[in-house]
Structures are given as C-alpha cells and as structure tokens.
N, C-alpha and C. Protein backbone atom coordinates (compact mmCIF):
# COMPACT_ATOMS: atom_id res chain seq x y z
N UNK A 1 204.42 -138.62 -55.49
CA UNK A 1 203.61 -138.11 -54.37
C UNK A 1 202.21 -138.72 -54.45
N UNK A 2 201.62 -138.96 -53.29
CA UNK A 2 200.31 -139.55 -53.23
C UNK A 2 199.25 -138.51 -53.52
N UNK A 3 198.06 -139.02 -53.69
CA UNK A 3 196.90 -138.15 -54.00
C UNK A 3 195.97 -138.14 -52.77
N UNK A 4 195.54 -136.93 -52.41
CA UNK A 4 194.60 -136.79 -51.27
C UNK A 4 193.23 -137.17 -51.71
N UNK A 5 192.48 -137.79 -50.80
CA UNK A 5 191.11 -138.20 -51.09
C UNK A 5 190.26 -138.06 -49.86
N UNK A 6 189.01 -138.29 -50.00
CA UNK A 6 188.01 -138.19 -48.92
C UNK A 6 187.92 -139.54 -48.17
N UNK A 7 187.53 -139.44 -46.94
CA UNK A 7 187.22 -140.64 -46.10
C UNK A 7 185.73 -140.59 -45.77
N UNK A 8 185.15 -141.76 -45.83
CA UNK A 8 183.70 -141.90 -45.55
C UNK A 8 183.49 -142.47 -44.16
N UNK A 9 182.59 -141.84 -43.40
CA UNK A 9 182.32 -142.33 -42.05
C UNK A 9 181.49 -143.58 -42.09
N UNK A 10 181.89 -144.67 -41.42
CA UNK A 10 181.19 -145.89 -41.39
C UNK A 10 180.47 -146.14 -40.03
N UNK A 11 180.95 -145.50 -39.00
CA UNK A 11 180.35 -145.62 -37.65
C UNK A 11 180.86 -144.50 -36.81
N UNK A 12 180.03 -144.09 -35.81
CA UNK A 12 180.44 -143.00 -34.94
C UNK A 12 179.87 -143.33 -33.50
N UNK A 13 180.66 -142.92 -32.49
CA UNK A 13 180.24 -143.12 -31.11
C UNK A 13 180.60 -141.89 -30.29
N UNK A 14 179.63 -141.53 -29.45
CA UNK A 14 179.92 -140.45 -28.48
C UNK A 14 180.66 -141.08 -27.27
N UNK A 15 181.80 -140.50 -26.93
CA UNK A 15 182.61 -141.06 -25.88
C UNK A 15 182.47 -140.33 -24.52
N UNK A 16 182.39 -138.98 -24.60
CA UNK A 16 182.34 -138.20 -23.37
C UNK A 16 181.76 -136.80 -23.66
N UNK A 17 181.06 -136.29 -22.67
CA UNK A 17 180.44 -134.96 -22.81
C UNK A 17 180.97 -134.08 -21.67
N UNK A 18 181.61 -132.98 -22.00
CA UNK A 18 182.20 -132.08 -21.01
C UNK A 18 181.61 -130.71 -21.06
N UNK A 19 180.33 -130.55 -21.25
CA UNK A 19 179.57 -129.30 -21.24
C UNK A 19 179.92 -128.40 -22.40
N UNK A 20 181.15 -127.93 -22.53
CA UNK A 20 181.49 -127.00 -23.60
C UNK A 20 181.98 -127.69 -24.87
N UNK A 21 182.26 -128.99 -24.72
CA UNK A 21 182.62 -129.81 -25.90
C UNK A 21 182.33 -131.25 -25.57
N UNK A 22 182.25 -132.06 -26.61
CA UNK A 22 182.22 -133.53 -26.38
C UNK A 22 183.23 -134.23 -27.26
N UNK A 23 183.53 -135.42 -26.95
CA UNK A 23 184.54 -136.24 -27.67
C UNK A 23 183.84 -137.42 -28.28
N UNK A 24 184.11 -137.66 -29.58
CA UNK A 24 183.52 -138.84 -30.22
C UNK A 24 184.62 -139.55 -31.00
N UNK A 25 184.28 -140.78 -31.37
CA UNK A 25 185.15 -141.53 -32.29
C UNK A 25 184.43 -141.71 -33.60
N UNK A 26 185.18 -141.76 -34.64
CA UNK A 26 184.62 -141.86 -36.01
C UNK A 26 185.39 -142.93 -36.74
N UNK A 27 184.73 -144.03 -37.07
CA UNK A 27 185.38 -145.08 -37.90
C UNK A 27 185.17 -144.59 -39.36
N UNK A 28 186.26 -144.56 -40.11
CA UNK A 28 186.24 -144.06 -41.48
C UNK A 28 187.02 -144.96 -42.43
N UNK A 29 186.61 -144.89 -43.67
CA UNK A 29 187.23 -145.64 -44.74
C UNK A 29 187.64 -144.71 -45.91
N UNK A 30 188.88 -144.90 -46.37
CA UNK A 30 189.35 -144.04 -47.42
C UNK A 30 188.85 -144.57 -48.79
N UNK A 31 189.02 -143.76 -49.82
CA UNK A 31 188.55 -144.16 -51.18
C UNK A 31 189.28 -145.43 -51.67
N UNK A 32 190.48 -145.64 -51.14
CA UNK A 32 191.26 -146.86 -51.58
C UNK A 32 191.08 -148.01 -50.62
N UNK A 33 190.18 -147.88 -49.64
CA UNK A 33 189.85 -149.03 -48.77
C UNK A 33 190.57 -149.08 -47.38
N UNK A 34 191.45 -148.12 -47.14
CA UNK A 34 192.08 -148.11 -45.82
C UNK A 34 191.06 -147.68 -44.75
N UNK A 35 191.19 -148.26 -43.53
CA UNK A 35 190.26 -147.95 -42.49
C UNK A 35 191.04 -147.46 -41.25
N UNK A 36 190.31 -146.64 -40.46
CA UNK A 36 190.92 -146.17 -39.20
C UNK A 36 189.82 -145.58 -38.30
N UNK A 37 190.16 -145.46 -37.02
CA UNK A 37 189.33 -144.85 -36.01
C UNK A 37 189.99 -143.51 -35.66
N UNK A 38 189.21 -142.46 -35.71
CA UNK A 38 189.67 -141.09 -35.47
C UNK A 38 188.91 -140.50 -34.34
N UNK A 39 189.53 -139.66 -33.48
CA UNK A 39 188.88 -139.07 -32.37
C UNK A 39 188.68 -137.57 -32.59
N UNK A 40 187.44 -137.13 -32.37
CA UNK A 40 187.03 -135.78 -32.71
C UNK A 40 186.58 -135.01 -31.46
N UNK A 41 186.88 -133.70 -31.41
CA UNK A 41 186.40 -132.84 -30.38
C UNK A 41 185.28 -131.97 -31.03
N UNK A 42 184.09 -132.11 -30.59
CA UNK A 42 182.92 -131.41 -31.17
C UNK A 42 182.51 -130.29 -30.19
N UNK A 43 182.39 -129.09 -30.75
CA UNK A 43 182.04 -127.93 -29.94
C UNK A 43 181.17 -127.01 -30.75
N UNK A 44 180.46 -126.12 -30.06
CA UNK A 44 179.80 -125.08 -30.81
C UNK A 44 180.78 -124.26 -31.58
N UNK A 45 180.33 -123.62 -32.66
CA UNK A 45 181.20 -122.68 -33.39
C UNK A 45 181.57 -121.52 -32.45
N UNK A 46 182.65 -120.92 -32.70
CA UNK A 46 183.08 -119.73 -31.99
C UNK A 46 183.10 -118.50 -32.92
N UNK A 47 182.99 -117.36 -32.33
CA UNK A 47 183.07 -116.11 -33.11
C UNK A 47 183.84 -115.06 -32.36
N UNK A 48 184.62 -114.30 -33.10
CA UNK A 48 185.42 -113.24 -32.49
C UNK A 48 185.25 -111.98 -33.32
N UNK A 49 185.41 -110.82 -32.67
CA UNK A 49 185.20 -109.58 -33.38
C UNK A 49 186.28 -108.56 -32.99
N UNK A 50 186.74 -107.83 -34.02
CA UNK A 50 187.70 -106.74 -33.79
C UNK A 50 186.89 -105.44 -33.82
N UNK A 51 186.59 -104.89 -32.62
CA UNK A 51 185.74 -103.71 -32.53
C UNK A 51 186.55 -102.41 -32.73
N UNK A 52 186.06 -101.54 -33.56
CA UNK A 52 186.81 -100.34 -33.90
C UNK A 52 186.00 -99.08 -33.41
N UNK A 53 186.74 -98.25 -32.69
CA UNK A 53 186.16 -96.96 -32.27
C UNK A 53 186.97 -95.84 -33.03
N UNK A 54 186.29 -95.04 -33.72
CA UNK A 54 186.96 -93.94 -34.40
C UNK A 54 187.07 -92.77 -33.51
N UNK A 55 188.31 -92.24 -33.28
CA UNK A 55 188.52 -91.15 -32.35
C UNK A 55 189.34 -90.08 -33.12
N UNK A 56 189.54 -88.95 -32.48
CA UNK A 56 190.34 -87.87 -33.08
C UNK A 56 191.79 -88.33 -33.22
N UNK A 57 192.22 -89.26 -32.37
CA UNK A 57 193.59 -89.81 -32.44
C UNK A 57 193.74 -90.92 -33.43
N UNK A 58 192.62 -91.33 -34.11
CA UNK A 58 192.69 -92.43 -35.05
C UNK A 58 191.83 -93.60 -34.62
N UNK A 59 191.93 -94.69 -35.37
CA UNK A 59 191.18 -95.88 -35.06
C UNK A 59 191.77 -96.56 -33.84
N UNK A 60 190.85 -96.88 -32.92
CA UNK A 60 191.23 -97.59 -31.68
C UNK A 60 190.50 -98.93 -31.69
N UNK A 61 191.14 -99.98 -31.21
CA UNK A 61 190.56 -101.29 -31.11
C UNK A 61 190.16 -101.56 -29.65
N UNK A 62 188.91 -102.02 -29.43
CA UNK A 62 188.46 -102.38 -28.12
C UNK A 62 189.00 -103.78 -27.84
N UNK A 63 189.84 -103.86 -26.83
CA UNK A 63 190.46 -105.14 -26.45
C UNK A 63 190.13 -105.46 -25.02
N UNK A 64 190.13 -106.75 -24.73
CA UNK A 64 189.82 -107.21 -23.37
C UNK A 64 190.99 -108.03 -22.79
N UNK A 65 191.11 -107.93 -21.50
CA UNK A 65 192.16 -108.74 -20.78
C UNK A 65 191.39 -109.60 -19.83
N UNK A 66 191.63 -110.89 -19.92
CA UNK A 66 191.00 -111.84 -18.97
C UNK A 66 191.90 -113.07 -18.76
N UNK A 67 191.69 -113.70 -17.59
CA UNK A 67 192.41 -114.89 -17.24
C UNK A 67 191.97 -116.03 -18.06
N UNK A 68 192.92 -116.81 -18.64
CA UNK A 68 192.61 -117.99 -19.44
C UNK A 68 193.14 -119.20 -18.72
N UNK A 69 192.27 -120.10 -18.37
CA UNK A 69 192.60 -121.27 -17.54
C UNK A 69 193.54 -122.23 -18.28
N UNK A 70 193.46 -122.30 -19.61
CA UNK A 70 194.32 -123.19 -20.37
C UNK A 70 195.77 -122.86 -20.24
N UNK A 71 196.08 -121.58 -20.27
CA UNK A 71 197.49 -121.12 -20.17
C UNK A 71 197.87 -120.70 -18.75
N UNK A 72 196.82 -120.49 -17.91
CA UNK A 72 197.08 -120.09 -16.53
C UNK A 72 197.58 -118.65 -16.39
N UNK A 73 197.18 -117.81 -17.37
CA UNK A 73 197.63 -116.38 -17.29
C UNK A 73 196.63 -115.49 -17.93
N UNK A 74 196.84 -114.16 -17.71
CA UNK A 74 196.01 -113.16 -18.34
C UNK A 74 196.35 -113.03 -19.81
N UNK A 75 195.33 -112.90 -20.67
CA UNK A 75 195.54 -112.71 -22.13
C UNK A 75 194.86 -111.46 -22.54
N UNK A 76 195.48 -110.77 -23.54
CA UNK A 76 194.89 -109.61 -24.19
C UNK A 76 194.32 -110.13 -25.54
N UNK A 77 193.04 -109.90 -25.74
CA UNK A 77 192.40 -110.44 -26.94
C UNK A 77 191.22 -109.58 -27.35
N UNK A 78 190.56 -110.06 -28.42
CA UNK A 78 189.35 -109.39 -28.88
C UNK A 78 188.14 -110.10 -28.24
N UNK A 79 186.99 -109.40 -28.14
CA UNK A 79 185.82 -110.02 -27.59
C UNK A 79 185.32 -111.14 -28.47
N UNK A 80 184.64 -112.13 -27.91
CA UNK A 80 184.07 -113.18 -28.65
C UNK A 80 183.58 -114.30 -27.74
N UNK A 81 183.16 -115.39 -28.35
CA UNK A 81 182.66 -116.47 -27.57
C UNK A 81 181.93 -117.50 -28.42
N UNK A 82 181.20 -118.35 -27.80
CA UNK A 82 180.50 -119.43 -28.46
C UNK A 82 179.26 -118.88 -29.19
N UNK A 83 179.02 -119.50 -30.34
CA UNK A 83 177.80 -119.22 -31.10
C UNK A 83 176.76 -120.27 -30.65
N UNK A 84 175.71 -119.78 -30.01
CA UNK A 84 174.71 -120.68 -29.49
C UNK A 84 174.01 -121.42 -30.64
N UNK A 85 173.52 -122.61 -30.35
CA UNK A 85 172.82 -123.38 -31.37
C UNK A 85 171.70 -122.56 -31.99
N UNK A 86 171.66 -122.46 -33.31
CA UNK A 86 170.62 -121.73 -34.04
C UNK A 86 170.86 -120.22 -34.14
N UNK A 87 171.93 -119.74 -33.48
CA UNK A 87 172.26 -118.27 -33.48
C UNK A 87 173.12 -117.96 -34.72
N UNK A 88 172.88 -116.82 -35.30
CA UNK A 88 173.71 -116.32 -36.40
C UNK A 88 175.01 -115.84 -35.80
N UNK A 89 176.16 -116.24 -36.40
CA UNK A 89 177.43 -115.77 -35.84
C UNK A 89 177.61 -114.23 -35.71
N UNK A 90 177.02 -113.47 -36.65
CA UNK A 90 177.17 -112.01 -36.55
C UNK A 90 176.36 -111.53 -35.33
N UNK A 91 175.23 -112.14 -35.04
CA UNK A 91 174.43 -111.75 -33.87
C UNK A 91 175.19 -112.17 -32.57
N UNK A 92 175.91 -113.31 -32.62
CA UNK A 92 176.63 -113.77 -31.48
C UNK A 92 177.76 -112.79 -31.12
N UNK A 93 178.49 -112.35 -32.14
CA UNK A 93 179.61 -111.40 -31.78
C UNK A 93 179.07 -110.01 -31.33
N UNK A 94 177.94 -109.62 -31.88
CA UNK A 94 177.37 -108.41 -31.42
C UNK A 94 176.95 -108.51 -29.94
N UNK A 95 176.36 -109.64 -29.61
CA UNK A 95 175.95 -109.92 -28.21
C UNK A 95 177.21 -109.99 -27.35
N UNK A 96 178.19 -110.73 -27.76
CA UNK A 96 179.43 -110.86 -26.92
C UNK A 96 180.14 -109.50 -26.79
N UNK A 97 180.21 -108.73 -27.83
CA UNK A 97 180.80 -107.39 -27.76
C UNK A 97 180.11 -106.57 -26.64
N UNK A 98 178.80 -106.51 -26.66
CA UNK A 98 178.09 -105.71 -25.71
C UNK A 98 178.27 -106.25 -24.28
N UNK A 99 178.10 -107.60 -24.14
CA UNK A 99 178.23 -108.22 -22.82
C UNK A 99 179.59 -108.03 -22.22
N UNK A 100 180.64 -108.21 -23.02
CA UNK A 100 181.96 -108.19 -22.49
C UNK A 100 182.58 -106.80 -22.33
N UNK A 101 182.13 -105.87 -23.16
CA UNK A 101 182.80 -104.54 -23.19
C UNK A 101 181.84 -103.36 -22.91
N UNK A 102 180.56 -103.55 -23.12
CA UNK A 102 179.62 -102.40 -23.02
C UNK A 102 179.50 -101.60 -24.30
N UNK A 103 180.28 -101.96 -25.36
CA UNK A 103 180.26 -101.28 -26.62
C UNK A 103 179.21 -101.91 -27.59
N UNK A 104 178.65 -101.09 -28.46
CA UNK A 104 177.81 -101.59 -29.54
C UNK A 104 178.33 -101.09 -30.86
N UNK A 105 178.10 -101.83 -31.90
CA UNK A 105 178.62 -101.46 -33.23
C UNK A 105 177.53 -100.98 -34.16
N UNK A 106 177.90 -100.06 -35.05
CA UNK A 106 176.95 -99.60 -36.09
C UNK A 106 176.87 -100.66 -37.15
N UNK A 107 177.96 -101.34 -37.43
CA UNK A 107 178.02 -102.34 -38.55
C UNK A 107 178.97 -103.44 -38.20
N UNK A 108 178.55 -104.65 -38.43
CA UNK A 108 179.39 -105.83 -38.23
C UNK A 108 179.66 -106.47 -39.59
N UNK A 109 180.96 -106.63 -39.93
CA UNK A 109 181.33 -107.16 -41.28
C UNK A 109 182.10 -108.42 -41.10
N UNK A 110 181.69 -109.49 -41.84
CA UNK A 110 182.44 -110.73 -41.74
C UNK A 110 183.83 -110.62 -42.41
N UNK A 111 184.86 -111.21 -41.73
CA UNK A 111 186.19 -111.18 -42.26
C UNK A 111 186.60 -112.50 -42.82
N UNK A 112 186.08 -113.61 -42.30
CA UNK A 112 186.41 -114.91 -42.78
C UNK A 112 186.07 -116.02 -41.80
N UNK A 113 186.31 -117.22 -42.28
CA UNK A 113 186.00 -118.45 -41.45
C UNK A 113 187.31 -119.20 -41.30
N UNK A 114 187.54 -119.72 -40.09
CA UNK A 114 188.76 -120.47 -39.78
C UNK A 114 188.40 -121.76 -39.10
N UNK A 115 189.21 -122.77 -39.32
CA UNK A 115 189.09 -124.03 -38.63
C UNK A 115 190.12 -124.01 -37.44
N UNK A 116 189.66 -124.06 -36.18
CA UNK A 116 190.61 -123.96 -35.06
C UNK A 116 191.70 -125.05 -35.17
N UNK A 117 191.35 -126.29 -35.50
CA UNK A 117 192.32 -127.35 -35.70
C UNK A 117 191.63 -128.46 -36.48
N UNK A 118 191.75 -128.46 -37.82
CA UNK A 118 191.02 -129.40 -38.64
C UNK A 118 191.41 -130.85 -38.46
N UNK A 119 192.52 -131.15 -37.78
CA UNK A 119 192.97 -132.48 -37.56
C UNK A 119 191.97 -133.26 -36.65
N UNK A 120 191.37 -132.57 -35.67
CA UNK A 120 190.52 -133.28 -34.73
C UNK A 120 189.35 -132.44 -34.19
N UNK A 121 189.26 -131.18 -34.54
CA UNK A 121 188.12 -130.36 -34.06
C UNK A 121 187.15 -130.10 -35.20
N UNK A 122 185.84 -130.19 -34.84
CA UNK A 122 184.78 -130.11 -35.88
C UNK A 122 184.18 -128.73 -36.05
N UNK A 123 184.54 -127.78 -35.20
CA UNK A 123 183.87 -126.49 -35.21
C UNK A 123 184.60 -125.44 -36.09
N UNK A 124 183.94 -124.28 -36.25
CA UNK A 124 184.41 -123.21 -37.09
C UNK A 124 184.57 -121.96 -36.26
N UNK A 125 185.55 -121.13 -36.52
CA UNK A 125 185.72 -119.81 -35.91
C UNK A 125 185.31 -118.76 -36.94
N UNK A 126 184.38 -117.92 -36.61
CA UNK A 126 183.90 -116.88 -37.46
C UNK A 126 184.54 -115.51 -37.01
N UNK A 127 185.28 -114.91 -37.91
CA UNK A 127 185.97 -113.64 -37.57
C UNK A 127 185.20 -112.45 -38.18
N UNK A 128 185.09 -111.41 -37.39
CA UNK A 128 184.31 -110.18 -37.81
C UNK A 128 185.09 -108.95 -37.41
N UNK A 129 184.71 -107.84 -38.05
CA UNK A 129 185.14 -106.50 -37.60
C UNK A 129 183.86 -105.71 -37.27
N UNK A 130 183.87 -105.00 -36.21
CA UNK A 130 182.73 -104.17 -35.79
C UNK A 130 183.12 -102.75 -36.00
N UNK A 131 182.50 -102.05 -36.96
CA UNK A 131 182.82 -100.67 -37.29
C UNK A 131 181.88 -99.71 -36.53
N UNK A 132 182.38 -98.53 -36.25
CA UNK A 132 181.54 -97.47 -35.60
C UNK A 132 181.10 -97.87 -34.21
N UNK A 133 181.97 -98.47 -33.47
CA UNK A 133 181.61 -98.82 -32.08
C UNK A 133 181.50 -97.58 -31.16
N UNK A 134 180.56 -97.64 -30.26
CA UNK A 134 180.41 -96.54 -29.23
C UNK A 134 179.98 -97.24 -27.93
N UNK A 135 180.46 -96.63 -26.81
CA UNK A 135 180.09 -97.17 -25.53
C UNK A 135 178.61 -97.01 -25.30
N UNK A 136 177.96 -98.06 -24.84
CA UNK A 136 176.48 -98.08 -24.68
C UNK A 136 176.04 -98.38 -23.26
N UNK A 137 176.93 -98.83 -22.42
CA UNK A 137 176.55 -99.11 -21.04
C UNK A 137 177.49 -100.13 -20.38
N UNK A 138 177.09 -100.60 -19.18
CA UNK A 138 177.92 -101.48 -18.44
C UNK A 138 178.04 -102.85 -19.07
N UNK A 139 179.07 -103.57 -18.67
CA UNK A 139 179.30 -104.97 -19.05
C UNK A 139 178.20 -105.79 -18.45
N UNK A 140 177.94 -106.95 -19.05
CA UNK A 140 176.95 -107.91 -18.54
C UNK A 140 177.70 -109.26 -18.57
N UNK A 141 178.61 -109.45 -17.62
CA UNK A 141 179.50 -110.57 -17.64
C UNK A 141 178.84 -111.84 -17.07
N UNK A 142 179.32 -112.98 -17.55
CA UNK A 142 178.91 -114.27 -17.02
C UNK A 142 179.53 -114.40 -15.65
N UNK A 143 179.02 -115.39 -14.93
CA UNK A 143 179.42 -115.63 -13.51
C UNK A 143 180.90 -115.73 -13.30
N UNK A 144 181.62 -116.38 -14.20
CA UNK A 144 183.02 -116.65 -14.02
C UNK A 144 183.94 -115.69 -14.82
N UNK A 145 183.34 -114.66 -15.40
CA UNK A 145 184.15 -113.71 -16.21
C UNK A 145 184.57 -112.48 -15.39
N UNK A 146 185.84 -112.16 -15.52
CA UNK A 146 186.38 -110.89 -15.00
C UNK A 146 187.17 -110.30 -16.16
N UNK A 147 186.65 -109.25 -16.75
CA UNK A 147 187.18 -108.68 -17.96
C UNK A 147 187.50 -107.19 -17.83
N UNK A 148 188.72 -106.87 -18.14
CA UNK A 148 189.19 -105.47 -18.19
C UNK A 148 189.16 -105.03 -19.63
N UNK A 149 188.58 -103.89 -19.93
CA UNK A 149 188.43 -103.34 -21.27
C UNK A 149 189.40 -102.24 -21.49
N UNK A 150 190.06 -102.21 -22.67
CA UNK A 150 190.92 -101.07 -22.96
C UNK A 150 190.82 -100.75 -24.45
N UNK A 151 191.06 -99.47 -24.78
CA UNK A 151 191.17 -99.08 -26.15
C UNK A 151 192.61 -99.03 -26.57
N UNK A 152 192.97 -99.71 -27.62
CA UNK A 152 194.38 -99.85 -28.06
C UNK A 152 194.44 -99.27 -29.48
N UNK A 153 195.41 -98.35 -29.71
CA UNK A 153 195.59 -97.84 -31.09
C UNK A 153 195.76 -99.00 -32.07
N UNK A 154 195.18 -98.86 -33.25
CA UNK A 154 195.15 -99.90 -34.25
C UNK A 154 196.57 -100.42 -34.48
N UNK A 155 197.56 -99.59 -34.75
CA UNK A 155 198.93 -100.02 -35.05
C UNK A 155 199.54 -100.78 -33.89
N UNK A 156 199.30 -100.29 -32.66
CA UNK A 156 199.77 -100.99 -31.47
C UNK A 156 199.20 -102.41 -31.33
N UNK A 157 197.89 -102.55 -31.63
CA UNK A 157 197.27 -103.88 -31.58
C UNK A 157 197.96 -104.85 -32.58
N UNK A 158 198.31 -104.33 -33.69
CA UNK A 158 199.00 -105.13 -34.73
C UNK A 158 200.39 -105.49 -34.23
N UNK A 159 201.11 -104.50 -33.66
CA UNK A 159 202.47 -104.71 -33.20
C UNK A 159 202.58 -105.60 -31.97
N UNK A 160 201.49 -105.74 -31.23
CA UNK A 160 201.51 -106.59 -30.03
C UNK A 160 201.58 -108.09 -30.35
N UNK A 161 201.23 -108.46 -31.57
CA UNK A 161 201.14 -109.94 -31.90
C UNK A 161 202.45 -110.64 -31.50
N UNK A 162 202.33 -111.70 -30.80
CA UNK A 162 203.49 -112.48 -30.36
C UNK A 162 203.98 -112.10 -29.00
N UNK A 163 203.47 -111.03 -28.40
CA UNK A 163 203.86 -110.68 -27.03
C UNK A 163 203.33 -111.74 -26.09
N UNK A 164 203.95 -111.82 -24.90
CA UNK A 164 203.60 -112.90 -23.96
C UNK A 164 202.12 -113.04 -23.70
N UNK A 165 201.42 -111.94 -23.48
CA UNK A 165 200.02 -112.04 -23.15
C UNK A 165 199.12 -111.86 -24.37
N UNK A 166 199.67 -111.88 -25.54
CA UNK A 166 198.95 -111.65 -26.77
C UNK A 166 199.26 -112.77 -27.80
N UNK A 167 199.18 -114.00 -27.35
CA UNK A 167 199.54 -115.09 -28.20
C UNK A 167 198.38 -116.01 -28.58
N UNK A 168 197.13 -115.58 -28.39
CA UNK A 168 195.98 -116.39 -28.73
C UNK A 168 195.93 -116.58 -30.24
N UNK A 169 196.10 -117.79 -30.71
CA UNK A 169 196.24 -118.04 -32.14
C UNK A 169 195.02 -117.57 -32.98
N UNK A 170 193.83 -117.76 -32.46
CA UNK A 170 192.64 -117.38 -33.23
C UNK A 170 192.52 -115.80 -33.31
N UNK A 171 193.02 -115.13 -32.30
CA UNK A 171 192.99 -113.65 -32.31
C UNK A 171 194.05 -113.17 -33.33
N UNK A 172 195.16 -113.81 -33.37
CA UNK A 172 196.20 -113.49 -34.37
C UNK A 172 195.67 -113.74 -35.80
N UNK A 173 195.02 -114.83 -35.98
CA UNK A 173 194.43 -115.12 -37.32
C UNK A 173 193.37 -114.08 -37.69
N UNK A 174 192.52 -113.71 -36.72
CA UNK A 174 191.50 -112.66 -36.96
C UNK A 174 192.18 -111.38 -37.33
N UNK A 175 193.25 -111.07 -36.63
CA UNK A 175 194.01 -109.82 -36.92
C UNK A 175 194.60 -109.80 -38.31
N UNK A 176 195.06 -110.95 -38.77
CA UNK A 176 195.54 -111.06 -40.13
C UNK A 176 194.40 -110.80 -41.12
N UNK A 177 193.23 -111.36 -40.89
CA UNK A 177 192.07 -111.07 -41.78
C UNK A 177 191.65 -109.62 -41.72
N UNK A 178 191.78 -109.01 -40.56
CA UNK A 178 191.52 -107.55 -40.40
C UNK A 178 192.50 -106.71 -41.21
N UNK A 179 193.79 -107.10 -41.20
CA UNK A 179 194.80 -106.36 -41.89
C UNK A 179 194.51 -106.44 -43.41
N UNK A 180 194.06 -107.64 -43.91
CA UNK A 180 193.71 -107.79 -45.24
C UNK A 180 192.54 -106.87 -45.61
N UNK A 181 191.49 -106.90 -44.72
CA UNK A 181 190.34 -106.04 -44.88
C UNK A 181 190.71 -104.56 -44.96
N UNK A 182 191.71 -104.12 -44.18
CA UNK A 182 192.14 -102.73 -44.15
C UNK A 182 193.09 -102.40 -45.29
N UNK A 183 193.59 -103.41 -46.01
CA UNK A 183 194.50 -103.19 -47.09
C UNK A 183 195.99 -102.99 -46.70
N UNK A 184 196.31 -103.39 -45.46
CA UNK A 184 197.67 -103.32 -45.01
C UNK A 184 198.56 -104.29 -45.74
N UNK A 185 199.73 -103.86 -46.15
CA UNK A 185 200.66 -104.80 -46.76
C UNK A 185 201.38 -105.64 -45.67
N UNK A 186 201.69 -106.82 -46.08
CA UNK A 186 202.28 -107.73 -45.09
C UNK A 186 203.80 -107.82 -45.30
C-alpha cells in the first residue's frame, strides 16, 4: 500500500465568484514530485445548532422546515447558516437560532467540527447544541426565507433520520454528535 503525504500549493487562481461561494484552481505538488491542478469551492464556514427546550413531556428539539432549492423540496432540519467573516461560530448559531425560530438559548455548547466535503470544499461546519431554549419573540427572517418552526420530541428527531424530508447530511452528522453528547448508544 502507498503512503499518504501532503501536497504543496505552487499557484492559485480565482475562477468565478457566485456571492455565497467562489471557485478557484490550485496547482499543487506532492512530496514525491507529482503535480496536478485541483478545483476548490471556497465558502464561509457554516454553523448549525440543535436547540433543546425542556418541557414536562421531556426534551423537545426546535426544528425548522424550509424549501431547499438544491433538492427542490421542503426539508426538516436544525437552524443554522453562514458564519460571517470575523464572527465567532457560537455567536453565529445564537443569531441564526433567534432569527429563524424566535428562540434564545441559555447555553450554547460546541459538539464538533465537520468538513462538508474535503475533496473540494475548503470550509468547515461547526455543530452546536443550545440548551435551555425559550421562546423570546418573532422570527427575523431574511428576504427569501420562509420557515415553519416546530417542536419535535428528542427521540422522534433521532428516528426521523433518513426520512424523505430529513436527509440533510450535515444535520444528520450534527445529530450523531448530539447523540454522543447525550450518551446515547449507537
């Protein structure tokens, strides 16, 4: 079997800018002298949060349903969004939680970092859990957002993974990190 090694960038070019991401090429050379041109999608980091509301009936997860243009259908997922340049990811998810759902958290806990697709994407997904959430007011949605908010029992949120409208890979990965955080056996 071969040995994995690092590749050094020798040149880079910006090819296109599409507002929410740009595309660049990167000429690279391996430790053993092989060369290649690789294409990268550069985007702001993303952050997602699993918001928890403690009720008499148990832990409820604040989930959102919104239309996703990539799949052309409604998706059930956790709140989240882009981490603005210079913004702390925990502050970004707190902001997104309030804007998208009207809920605020008493405490935001990091769950882990994920690479959306390390083959060609340069950004990081930051996963969090928001404990002690309570409704604080109306949503403050962006111009193109239409978001329906619902409280889903914790076990049901876990059992929904893989359902037709619940297939967002980063949400599933965040849920795995949440299950580890909660000590659930797999």
